[in-house]
Amino acid sequence: MAEKRVSRWYFGGLASCGAACCTHPLDLLKVVKCGTNIANKVFKVHLQTQQEVKLRMTGMALHVIRNDGFLALYSGLSASLCRQMTYSLTRFAIYETVRDHLVQGAQGPMPFYQKVLLAAIGGFTGGFVGTPADLVNVRMQNDMKLPLHLRRNYSHALNGLYRVLHEEGIKKLFSGATMASSRGALVTVGQLSCT
């Protein structure tokens, strides 16, 4: 008799957090290009919108480390982790637990269309639940390129969530939820339904 496999849905969420720790500096460097000096002010602009490339990714990383220290590459990491803890954990939990429950009484493997539907529901829900953390994540990464008087200066993800809720309302926390949920559904279908 074959050994019964017990899924541990939280491994997917924890793996997503580990990946966020590794890729966060790259994500940050993608968003920000440091060192353009105009009228003795340092402006930080999107790397993607540069008219001419002055610093490549490695040069930019070295520039950030020299000016702000190594830990500056991890600025806003708490928001990235908060996003993964809400988005990834939710979608993996829904998919894995419901799948295991449905397969428990079935004779054979789960049909593909059910996997697709379940992955879409899990991803859609995860995208919706993760929207507030995603909003704070984007704001924290973009904050360093804004002039000082326009910066939000969230100290960490929970501070950002609290301030958005109290300063802008709950509706603002979920702005963009439709797109985030749709993206979550499509990504999760691609990732999980084929397993």
C-alpha atoms as a PDB file:
ATOM      1  CA  MET A   1       0.000   0.000   0.000  1.00  0.00           C
ATOM      2  CA  ALA A   2       1.312   3.429  -0.966  1.00  0.00           C
ATOM      3  CA  GLU A   3       2.212   5.887   1.742  1.00  0.00           C
ATOM      4  CA  LYS A   4      -0.324   8.709   2.049  1.00  0.00           C
ATOM      5  CA  ARG A   5       1.167  12.094   1.209  1.00  0.00           C
ATOM      6  CA  VAL A   6       0.317  14.863   3.650  1.00  0.00           C
ATOM      7  CA  SER A   7       0.508  18.309   2.078  1.00  0.00           C
ATOM      8  CA  ARG A   8       1.915  21.130   4.093  1.00  0.00           C
ATOM      9  CA  TRP A   9       0.464  24.230   2.480  1.00  0.00           C
ATOM     10  CA  TYR A  10       2.470  26.578   4.695  1.00  0.00           C
ATOM     11  CA  PHE A  11       5.698  25.384   3.047  1.00  0.00           C
ATOM     12  CA  GLY A  12       4.633  27.224  -0.121  1.00  0.00           C
ATOM     13  CA  GLY A  13       4.086  30.442   1.821  1.00  0.00           C
ATOM     14  CA  LEU A  14       7.378  30.101   3.678  1.00  0.00           C
ATOM     15  CA  ALA A  15       9.201  29.350   0.418  1.00  0.00           C
ATOM     16  CA  SER A  16       7.653  32.495  -1.064  1.00  0.00           C
ATOM     17  CA  CYS A  17       8.975  34.495   1.894  1.00  0.00           C
ATOM     18  CA  GLY A  18      12.436  33.003   1.385  1.00  0.00           C
ATOM     19  CA  ALA A  19      12.318  33.917  -2.289  1.00  0.00           C
ATOM     20  CA  ALA A  20      11.245  37.467  -1.380  1.00  0.00           C
ATOM     21  CA  CYS A  21      14.304  37.786   0.873  1.00  0.00           C
ATOM     22  CA  CYS A  22      16.564  36.792  -2.019  1.00  0.00           C
ATOM     23  CA  THR A  23      14.907  38.845  -4.750  1.00  0.00           C
ATOM     24  CA  HIS A  24      14.021  41.987  -2.772  1.00  0.00           C
ATOM     25  CA  PRO A  25      17.311  43.795  -3.519  1.00  0.00           C
ATOM     26  CA  LEU A  26      16.820  43.140  -7.250  1.00  0.00           C
ATOM     27  CA  ASP A  27      13.240  44.359  -7.056  1.00  0.00           C
ATOM     28  CA  LEU A  28      14.367  47.488  -5.246  1.00  0.00           C
ATOM     29  CA  LEU A  29      17.117  48.195  -7.773  1.00  0.00           C
ATOM     30  CA  LYS A  30      14.646  47.688 -10.611  1.00  0.00           C
ATOM     31  CA  VAL A  31      12.415  50.380  -9.142  1.00  0.00           C
ATOM     32  CA  VAL A  32      15.061  52.916  -8.206  1.00  0.00           C
ATOM     33  CA  LYS A  33      18.092  54.388  -9.917  1.00  0.00           C
ATOM     34  CA  CYS A  34      20.233  56.397  -7.542  1.00  0.00           C
ATOM     35  CA  GLY A  35      22.679  59.169  -8.134  1.00  0.00           C
ATOM     36  CA  THR A  36      21.279  61.552 -10.745  1.00  0.00           C
ATOM     37  CA  ASN A  37      22.466  64.915  -9.435  1.00  0.00           C
ATOM     38  CA  ILE A  38      20.553  67.943 -10.685  1.00  0.00           C
ATOM     39  CA  ALA A  39      20.920  71.311  -8.947  1.00  0.00           C
ATOM     40  CA  ASN A  40      22.630  69.657  -5.946  1.00  0.00           C
ATOM     41  CA  LYS A  41      19.607  67.440  -5.295  1.00  0.00           C
ATOM     42  CA  VAL A  42      19.693  63.686  -5.619  1.00  0.00           C
ATOM     43  CA  PHE A  43      16.701  62.463  -7.563  1.00  0.00           C
ATOM     44  CA  LYS A  44      15.826  58.814  -7.769  1.00  0.00           C
ATOM     45  CA  VAL A  45      13.957  57.739 -10.874  1.00  0.00           C
ATOM     46  CA  HIS A  46      12.655  54.520 -12.372  1.00  0.00           C
ATOM     47  CA  LEU A  47      15.335  52.414 -13.968  1.00  0.00           C
ATOM     48  CA  GLN A  48      12.921  51.418 -16.706  1.00  0.00           C
ATOM     49  CA  THR A  49      12.287  55.040 -17.755  1.00  0.00           C
ATOM     50  CA  GLN A  50      15.890  56.199 -18.021  1.00  0.00           C
ATOM     51  CA  GLN A  51      16.618  57.915 -21.334  1.00  0.00           C
ATOM     52  CA  GLU A  52      20.213  56.745 -21.217  1.00  0.00           C
ATOM     53  CA  VAL A  53      21.583  54.040 -19.003  1.00  0.00           C
ATOM     54  CA  LYS A  54      24.230  55.521 -16.716  1.00  0.00           C
ATOM     55  CA  LEU A  55      24.438  52.746 -14.137  1.00  0.00           C
ATOM     56  CA  ARG A  56      23.834  49.090 -14.763  1.00  0.00           C
ATOM     57  CA  MET A  57      22.329  46.866 -12.069  1.00  0.00           C
ATOM     58  CA  THR A  58      25.684  46.015 -10.462  1.00  0.00           C
ATOM     59  CA  GLY A  59      26.861  49.633 -10.526  1.00  0.00           C
ATOM     60  CA  MET A  60      23.597  50.754  -9.026  1.00  0.00           C
ATOM     61  CA  ALA A  61      23.855  48.159  -6.252  1.00  0.00           C
ATOM     62  CA  LEU A  62      27.379  49.301  -5.421  1.00  0.00           C
ATOM     63  CA  HIS A  63      26.220  52.935  -5.445  1.00  0.00           C
ATOM     64  CA  VAL A  64      23.407  52.178  -2.995  1.00  0.00           C
ATOM     65  CA  ILE A  65      25.741  50.193  -0.728  1.00  0.00           C
ATOM     66  CA  ARG A  66      28.383  52.963  -0.762  1.00  0.00           C
ATOM     67  CA  ASN A  67      25.905  55.751  -0.029  1.00  0.00           C
ATOM     68  CA  ASP A  68      23.349  54.091   2.237  1.00  0.00           C
ATOM     69  CA  GLY A  69      24.919  50.819   3.398  1.00  0.00           C
ATOM     70  CA  PHE A  70      24.223  47.188   2.570  1.00  0.00           C
ATOM     71  CA  LEU A  71      20.937  47.086   4.480  1.00  0.00           C
ATOM     72  CA  ALA A  72      19.513  49.792   2.182  1.00  0.00           C
ATOM     73  CA  LEU A  73      19.094  47.011  -0.397  1.00  0.00           C
ATOM     74  CA  TYR A  74      16.507  45.547   1.973  1.00  0.00           C
ATOM     75  CA  SER A  75      14.540  48.744   2.502  1.00  0.00           C
ATOM     76  CA  GLY A  76      10.857  47.820   2.616  1.00  0.00           C
ATOM     77  CA  LEU A  77      11.481  44.086   3.084  1.00  0.00           C
ATOM     78  CA  SER A  78       8.818  43.909   5.799  1.00  0.00           C
ATOM     79  CA  ALA A  79       6.193  44.890   3.210  1.00  0.00           C
ATOM     80  CA  SER A  80       7.408  42.228   0.771  1.00  0.00           C
ATOM     81  CA  LEU A  81       7.217  39.602   3.493  1.00  0.00           C
ATOM     82  CA  CYS A  82       3.792  40.842   4.590  1.00  0.00           C
ATOM     83  CA  ARG A  83       2.581  40.510   1.012  1.00  0.00           C
ATOM     84  CA  GLN A  84       3.887  36.957   0.734  1.00  0.00           C
ATOM     85  CA  MET A  85       2.409  36.010   4.122  1.00  0.00           C
ATOM     86  CA  THR A  86      -1.026  37.202   3.029  1.00  0.00           C
ATOM     87  CA  TYR A  87      -1.084  36.438  -0.705  1.00  0.00           C
ATOM     88  CA  SER A  88       0.928  33.214  -0.954  1.00  0.00           C
ATOM     89  CA  LEU A  89      -0.178  31.612   2.282  1.00  0.00           C
ATOM     90  CA  THR A  90      -3.838  32.231   1.445  1.00  0.00           C
ATOM     91  CA  ARG A  91      -3.707  30.775  -2.049  1.00  0.00           C
ATOM     92  CA  PHE A  92      -1.655  27.733  -1.034  1.00  0.00           C
ATOM     93  CA  ALA A  93      -3.866  27.096   2.004  1.00  0.00           C
ATOM     94  CA  ILE A  94      -7.067  27.202  -0.024  1.00  0.00           C
ATOM     95  CA  TYR A  95      -5.749  25.071  -2.863  1.00  0.00           C
ATOM     96  CA  GLU A  96      -3.992  22.418  -0.786  1.00  0.00           C
ATOM     97  CA  THR A  97      -6.594  21.959   1.962  1.00  0.00           C
ATOM     98  CA  VAL A  98      -9.612  21.882  -0.367  1.00  0.00           C
ATOM     99  CA  ARG A  99      -7.806  19.589  -2.809  1.00  0.00           C
ATOM    100  CA  ASP A 100      -6.856  17.181  -0.030  1.00  0.00           C
ATOM    101  CA  HIS A 101     -10.431  17.222   1.253  1.00  0.00           C
ATOM    102  CA  LEU A 102     -11.855  16.485  -2.209  1.00  0.00           C
ATOM    103  CA  VAL A 103      -9.311  13.774  -3.026  1.00  0.00           C
ATOM    104  CA  GLN A 104      -9.795  12.053   0.334  1.00  0.00           C
ATOM    105  CA  GLY A 105     -13.011  10.278  -0.678  1.00  0.00           C
ATOM    106  CA  ALA A 106     -12.301   9.996  -4.412  1.00  0.00           C
ATOM    107  CA  GLN A 107     -11.087   6.879  -6.175  1.00  0.00           C
ATOM    108  CA  GLY A 108      -8.601   8.531  -8.509  1.00  0.00           C
ATOM    109  CA  PRO A 109      -6.791  11.802  -8.981  1.00  0.00           C
ATOM    110  CA  MET A 110      -8.687  15.055  -9.131  1.00  0.00           C
ATOM    111  CA  PRO A 111      -9.843  15.998 -12.674  1.00  0.00           C
ATOM    112  CA  PHE A 112      -7.891  18.788 -14.347  1.00  0.00           C
ATOM    113  CA  TYR A 113     -10.856  21.163 -14.661  1.00  0.00           C
ATOM    114  CA  GLN A 114     -11.396  20.938 -10.884  1.00  0.00           C
ATOM    115  CA  LYS A 115      -7.730  21.712 -10.254  1.00  0.00           C
ATOM    116  CA  VAL A 116      -7.979  24.751 -12.532  1.00  0.00           C
ATOM    117  CA  LEU A 117     -11.144  25.983 -10.833  1.00  0.00           C
ATOM    118  CA  LEU A 118      -9.736  25.434  -7.353  1.00  0.00           C
ATOM    119  CA  ALA A 119      -6.444  27.159  -8.236  1.00  0.00           C
ATOM    120  CA  ALA A 120      -8.354  30.119  -9.693  1.00  0.00           C
ATOM    121  CA  ILE A 121     -10.454  30.470  -6.537  1.00  0.00           C
ATOM    122  CA  GLY A 122      -7.385  30.195  -4.290  1.00  0.00           C
ATOM    123  CA  GLY A 123      -5.387  32.666  -6.370  1.00  0.00           C
ATOM    124  CA  PHE A 124      -8.262  35.129  -6.652  1.00  0.00           C
ATOM    125  CA  THR A 125      -8.802  35.055  -2.889  1.00  0.00           C
ATOM    126  CA  GLY A 126      -5.075  35.340  -2.191  1.00  0.00           C
ATOM    127  CA  GLY A 127      -4.797  38.301  -4.558  1.00  0.00           C
ATOM    128  CA  PHE A 128      -7.644  40.058  -2.780  1.00  0.00           C
ATOM    129  CA  VAL A 129      -6.299  39.344   0.714  1.00  0.00           C
ATOM    130  CA  GLY A 130      -2.793  40.420  -0.335  1.00  0.00           C
ATOM    131  CA  THR A 131      -3.853  43.721  -1.939  1.00  0.00           C
ATOM    132  CA  PRO A 132      -3.303  45.930   1.161  1.00  0.00           C
ATOM    133  CA  ALA A 133       0.193  44.533   1.728  1.00  0.00           C
ATOM    134  CA  ASP A 134       0.954  44.923  -1.983  1.00  0.00           C
ATOM    135  CA  LEU A 135      -0.102  48.589  -1.831  1.00  0.00           C
ATOM    136  CA  VAL A 136       2.199  49.236   1.124  1.00  0.00           C
ATOM    137  CA  ASN A 137       5.011  47.274  -0.565  1.00  0.00           C
ATOM    138  CA  VAL A 138       4.859  49.435  -3.697  1.00  0.00           C
ATOM    139  CA  ARG A 139       4.647  52.631  -1.629  1.00  0.00           C
ATOM    140  CA  MET A 140       7.636  51.686   0.528  1.00  0.00           C
ATOM    141  CA  GLN A 141       9.778  50.849  -2.493  1.00  0.00           C
ATOM    142  CA  ASN A 142       8.805  54.049  -4.306  1.00  0.00           C
ATOM    143  CA  ASP A 143       9.136  56.254  -1.222  1.00  0.00           C
ATOM    144  CA  MET A 144      12.892  56.705  -1.523  1.00  0.00           C
ATOM    145  CA  LYS A 145      12.620  58.264  -4.969  1.00  0.00           C
ATOM    146  CA  LEU A 146      10.159  60.956  -3.867  1.00  0.00           C
ATOM    147  CA  PRO A 147      11.208  64.387  -2.610  1.00  0.00           C
ATOM    148  CA  LEU A 148      11.472  64.505   1.193  1.00  0.00           C
ATOM    149  CA  HIS A 149       8.246  66.465   1.696  1.00  0.00           C
ATOM    150  CA  LEU A 150       6.209  63.883  -0.272  1.00  0.00           C
ATOM    151  CA  ARG A 151       7.568  60.741   1.385  1.00  0.00           C
ATOM    152  CA  ARG A 152       5.249  58.661   3.535  1.00  0.00           C
ATOM    153  CA  ASN A 153       8.076  57.226   5.663  1.00  0.00           C
ATOM    154  CA  TYR A 154       6.327  54.068   6.810  1.00  0.00           C
ATOM    155  CA  SER A 155       8.573  52.482   9.437  1.00  0.00           C
ATOM    156  CA  HIS A 156       7.421  48.955   8.528  1.00  0.00           C
ATOM    157  CA  ALA A 157       4.560  47.165   6.786  1.00  0.00           C
ATOM    158  CA  LEU A 158       2.154  47.169   9.734  1.00  0.00           C
ATOM    159  CA  ASN A 159       2.741  50.889  10.245  1.00  0.00           C
ATOM    160  CA  GLY A 160       1.949  51.417   6.558  1.00  0.00           C
ATOM    161  CA  LEU A 161      -1.247  49.357   6.754  1.00  0.00           C
ATOM    162  CA  TYR A 162      -2.354  51.207   9.887  1.00  0.00           C
ATOM    163  CA  ARG A 163      -1.653  54.633   8.404  1.00  0.00           C
ATOM    164  CA  VAL A 164      -3.382  53.925   5.098  1.00  0.00           C
ATOM    165  CA  LEU A 165      -6.425  52.631   6.965  1.00  0.00           C
ATOM    166  CA  HIS A 166      -6.639  55.651   9.279  1.00  0.00           C
ATOM    167  CA  GLU A 167      -5.529  58.390   6.854  1.00  0.00           C
ATOM    168  CA  GLU A 168      -7.149  57.190   3.628  1.00  0.00           C
ATOM    169  CA  GLY A 169      -9.788  54.646   4.620  1.00  0.00           C
ATOM    170  CA  ILE A 170     -10.413  50.957   4.024  1.00  0.00           C
ATOM    171  CA  LYS A 171     -11.411  51.527   0.404  1.00  0.00           C
ATOM    172  CA  LYS A 172      -7.895  52.785  -0.384  1.00  0.00           C
ATOM    173  CA  LEU A 173      -6.368  49.641   1.159  1.00  0.00           C
ATOM    174  CA  PHE A 174      -8.156  47.571  -1.475  1.00  0.00           C
ATOM    175  CA  SER A 175      -7.630  49.820  -4.483  1.00  0.00           C
ATOM    176  CA  GLY A 176      -6.348  47.646  -7.301  1.00  0.00           C
ATOM    177  CA  ALA A 177      -7.884  44.504  -5.799  1.00  0.00           C
ATOM    178  CA  THR A 178      -9.596  43.545  -9.060  1.00  0.00           C
ATOM    179  CA  MET A 179      -6.328  43.429 -10.989  1.00  0.00           C
ATOM    180  CA  ALA A 180      -4.403  41.806  -8.136  1.00  0.00           C
ATOM    181  CA  SER A 181      -7.077  39.137  -7.739  1.00  0.00           C
ATOM    182  CA  SER A 182      -7.228  38.435 -11.473  1.00  0.00           C
ATOM    183  CA  ARG A 183      -3.449  38.177 -11.659  1.00  0.00           C
ATOM    184  CA  GLY A 184      -3.418  35.926  -8.578  1.00  0.00           C
ATOM    185  CA  ALA A 185      -5.974  33.619 -10.166  1.00  0.00           C
ATOM    186  CA  LEU A 186      -4.017  33.293 -13.419  1.00  0.00           C
ATOM    187  CA  VAL A 187      -0.652  32.811 -11.696  1.00  0.00           C
ATOM    188  CA  THR A 188      -2.029  30.185  -9.343  1.00  0.00           C
ATOM    189  CA  VAL A 189      -3.720  28.281 -12.157  1.00  0.00           C
ATOM    190  CA  GLY A 190      -0.381  28.193 -13.973  1.00  0.00           C
ATOM    191  CA  GLN A 191       1.554  27.161 -10.873  1.00  0.00           C
ATOM    192  CA  LEU A 192      -0.685  24.712  -9.079  1.00  0.00           C
ATOM    193  CA  SER A 193      -3.235  23.157 -11.412  1.00  0.00           C
ATOM    194  CA  CYS A 194      -0.597  21.273 -13.383  1.00  0.00           C
ATOM    195  CA  THR A 195       0.762  19.443 -10.324  1.00  0.00           C
END
